[in-house]
């Protein structure tokens, strides 16, 4: 186990996650708001192998998200190094939407990033059409600016959260 929240466990991805990982990566309702193209089964299997390999050898960490009491993958989460900062990332299977898991994992990632990884700043970017993620991030981080993302053909909102601000707001501590 990497870490846990009240209802969620975060662990390393394994090859046994293949079918549920494909349910996530092959679902246009999940991938379109990101926006990313849906993956075929072979593409999804290849991406899973990449994430498993990256976790062992790189700063990029994408982990399996499960509900406590059940080892089945309900989503993925982690950190991706981006221009000298670490971007928080999470995605849930469609069957796991609208029960508070998004906000819970976002809070858990922030706490883990600052307390265990000793990051000074966490960033996030989200397509402005992804209203649920915007709502979550608006409550946790500072929106910085909107940018046209030509690669994904959308407008992204960039967020950041500094460790010192998080500690003051959420822990009542000075740095």
Protein backbone atom coordinates (compact mmCIF):
# COMPACT_ATOMS: atom_id res chain seq x y z
CA UNK A 1 0.00 0.00 0.00
CA UNK A 2 1.22 3.49 -0.88
CA UNK A 3 -1.28 5.41 1.28
CA UNK A 4 -4.93 5.46 2.28
CA UNK A 5 -7.79 7.86 2.91
CA UNK A 6 -10.99 7.24 4.89
CA UNK A 7 -12.53 5.06 2.16
CA UNK A 8 -9.74 4.48 -0.36
CA UNK A 9 -6.49 2.51 -0.64
CA UNK A 10 -3.74 3.47 -3.06
CA UNK A 11 -1.42 0.70 -4.17
CA UNK A 12 0.89 -0.13 -7.06
CA UNK A 13 -0.72 -1.18 -10.32
CA UNK A 14 -0.32 -4.86 -11.22
CA UNK A 15 -1.02 -6.95 -14.29
CA UNK A 16 -4.09 -8.37 -12.53
CA UNK A 17 -5.67 -4.88 -12.95
CA UNK A 18 -5.81 -5.33 -16.76
CA UNK A 19 -9.56 -5.77 -17.25
CA UNK A 20 -10.69 -2.95 -14.98
CA UNK A 21 -7.89 -0.71 -16.24
CA UNK A 22 -9.27 -1.23 -19.75
CA UNK A 23 -12.76 -0.40 -18.47
CA UNK A 24 -11.29 2.96 -17.45
CA UNK A 25 -9.04 3.63 -20.46
CA UNK A 26 -11.46 2.30 -23.07
CA UNK A 27 -14.48 4.31 -21.89
CA UNK A 28 -15.14 7.51 -23.89
CA UNK A 29 -17.22 8.95 -21.03
CA UNK A 30 -14.08 8.79 -18.85
CA UNK A 31 -11.50 9.77 -21.44
CA UNK A 32 -13.29 12.52 -23.40
CA UNK A 33 -13.47 15.07 -20.53
CA UNK A 34 -9.71 14.73 -19.90
CA UNK A 35 -9.52 14.84 -23.09
CA UNK A 36 -7.63 11.78 -24.20
CA UNK A 37 -8.44 9.22 -26.85
CA UNK A 38 -9.98 5.98 -25.70
CA UNK A 39 -7.64 3.03 -25.88
CA UNK A 40 -8.17 -0.34 -27.51
CA UNK A 41 -7.54 -3.42 -25.33
CA UNK A 42 -3.96 -3.89 -26.67
CA UNK A 43 -3.25 -0.15 -26.21
CA UNK A 44 -4.66 -0.26 -22.68
CA UNK A 45 -2.54 -3.32 -21.82
CA UNK A 46 0.55 -1.53 -23.16
CA UNK A 47 -0.25 1.63 -21.14
CA UNK A 48 -0.68 -0.44 -17.98
CA UNK A 49 2.76 -1.98 -18.54
CA UNK A 50 4.21 1.53 -19.04
CA UNK A 51 2.69 2.75 -15.78
CA UNK A 52 4.01 -0.30 -13.91
CA UNK A 53 7.50 0.28 -15.34
CA UNK A 54 7.44 4.06 -14.69
CA UNK A 55 6.52 3.54 -11.04
CA UNK A 56 9.68 1.54 -10.50
CA UNK A 57 12.17 3.77 -12.33
CA UNK A 58 10.88 7.33 -12.77
CA UNK A 59 9.59 10.29 -10.79
CA UNK A 60 6.23 9.78 -12.50
CA UNK A 61 4.00 7.65 -10.31
CA UNK A 62 0.60 6.36 -11.40
CA UNK A 63 -1.02 4.07 -8.86
CA UNK A 64 -4.11 1.92 -8.49
CA UNK A 65 -7.03 3.35 -6.57
CA UNK A 66 -9.29 0.88 -4.73
CA UNK A 67 -12.14 1.11 -2.24
CA UNK A 68 -11.22 -0.23 1.20
CA UNK A 69 -12.33 -3.81 1.62
CA UNK A 70 -12.05 -4.54 -2.12
CA UNK A 71 -8.86 -4.87 -4.15
CA UNK A 72 -10.55 -4.09 -7.50
CA UNK A 73 -9.29 -1.04 -9.38
CA UNK A 74 -11.79 1.82 -9.26
CA UNK A 75 -9.38 4.32 -10.82
CA UNK A 76 -5.83 5.54 -11.09
CA UNK A 77 -4.05 8.42 -9.42
CA UNK A 78 -0.59 9.79 -8.86
CA UNK A 79 1.94 12.44 -9.82
CA UNK A 80 3.53 13.30 -13.15
CA UNK A 81 6.61 15.50 -13.33
CA UNK A 82 5.87 18.56 -15.45
CA UNK A 83 8.32 21.40 -16.05
CA UNK A 84 10.05 21.05 -12.69
CA UNK A 85 6.80 20.62 -10.72
CA UNK A 86 4.61 17.65 -9.91
CA UNK A 87 1.15 17.48 -11.40
CA UNK A 88 -1.53 15.67 -9.45
CA UNK A 89 -3.61 13.29 -11.59
CA UNK A 90 -6.59 11.07 -10.93
CA UNK A 91 -9.29 9.32 -12.94
CA UNK A 92 -12.16 7.09 -11.86
CA UNK A 93 -14.10 4.34 -13.61
CA UNK A 94 -17.53 5.65 -14.61
CA UNK A 95 -19.29 3.21 -12.26
CA UNK A 96 -17.49 4.95 -9.36
CA UNK A 97 -18.52 8.53 -10.13
CA UNK A 98 -20.68 10.78 -7.97
CA UNK A 99 -19.87 9.33 -4.57
CA UNK A 100 -17.14 11.70 -3.41
CA UNK A 101 -14.14 9.59 -4.41
CA UNK A 102 -12.73 12.36 -6.66
CA UNK A 103 -12.54 14.91 -3.87
CA UNK A 104 -11.29 12.33 -1.40
CA UNK A 105 -8.43 11.18 -3.61
CA UNK A 106 -7.49 14.75 -4.55
CA UNK A 107 -7.18 15.65 -0.84
CA UNK A 108 -5.25 12.43 -0.20
CA UNK A 109 -2.82 13.10 -3.05
CA UNK A 110 -2.17 16.63 -1.78
CA UNK A 111 -1.48 15.40 1.75
CA UNK A 112 0.74 12.56 0.51
CA UNK A 113 2.60 14.88 -1.88
CA UNK A 114 3.41 17.42 0.81
CA UNK A 115 3.89 15.13 3.81
CA UNK A 116 5.52 12.02 2.32
CA UNK A 117 7.09 13.17 -0.97
CA UNK A 118 8.10 16.51 0.57
CA UNK A 119 6.95 18.48 -2.46
CA UNK A 120 6.92 22.28 -2.16
CA UNK A 121 4.26 22.78 -4.83
CA UNK A 122 1.60 20.64 -6.48
CA UNK A 123 -0.01 21.64 -9.75
CA UNK A 124 -3.04 20.37 -11.64
CA UNK A 125 -4.53 21.03 -15.03
CA UNK A 126 -8.05 20.25 -16.12
CA UNK A 127 -10.14 20.74 -19.23
CA UNK A 128 -12.62 23.53 -18.37
CA UNK A 129 -15.45 21.33 -19.66
CA UNK A 130 -14.72 18.79 -16.91
CA UNK A 131 -17.06 20.46 -14.43
CA UNK A 132 -16.74 17.88 -11.64
CA UNK A 133 -12.95 18.13 -11.54
CA UNK A 134 -13.12 21.93 -11.72
CA UNK A 135 -15.37 21.95 -8.65
CA UNK A 136 -13.00 19.66 -6.74
CA UNK A 137 -9.87 21.63 -7.64
CA UNK A 138 -11.52 25.03 -7.01
CA UNK A 139 -12.08 23.92 -3.43
CA UNK A 140 -8.52 22.71 -2.86
CA UNK A 141 -6.12 24.70 -5.02
CA UNK A 142 -5.58 28.17 -6.47
CA UNK A 143 -6.66 28.62 -10.10
CA UNK A 144 -3.81 30.36 -11.93
CA UNK A 145 -4.85 30.79 -15.58
CA UNK A 146 -6.64 29.23 -18.53
CA UNK A 147 -4.64 28.18 -21.57
CA UNK A 148 -5.54 26.88 -25.00
CA UNK A 149 -4.21 23.33 -25.19
CA UNK A 150 -3.53 22.83 -28.90
CA UNK A 151 -2.39 19.23 -28.41
CA UNK A 152 -5.72 18.18 -26.90
CA UNK A 153 -7.82 20.85 -28.66
CA UNK A 154 -9.35 22.23 -25.47
CA UNK A 155 -8.94 24.96 -22.88
CA UNK A 156 -7.19 23.88 -19.68
CA UNK A 157 -7.32 25.58 -16.31
CA UNK A 158 -4.05 25.45 -14.38
CA UNK A 159 -4.03 25.22 -10.59
CA UNK A 160 -1.28 25.26 -8.02
CA UNK A 161 -0.97 24.79 -4.31
CA UNK A 162 2.10 25.70 -2.30
CA UNK A 163 2.97 23.59 0.71
CA UNK A 164 3.15 26.62 3.00
CA UNK A 165 -0.36 27.74 1.99
CA UNK A 166 -1.76 24.23 2.40
CA UNK A 167 -0.30 23.94 5.88
CA UNK A 168 -1.74 27.29 6.92
CA UNK A 169 -5.18 26.53 5.54
CA UNK A 170 -5.57 22.82 6.31
CA UNK A 171 -3.31 22.21 9.26
CA UNK A 172 -3.15 25.61 10.93
CA UNK A 173 0.65 25.34 10.94
CA UNK A 174 3.31 27.79 9.86
CA UNK A 175 6.18 26.56 7.75
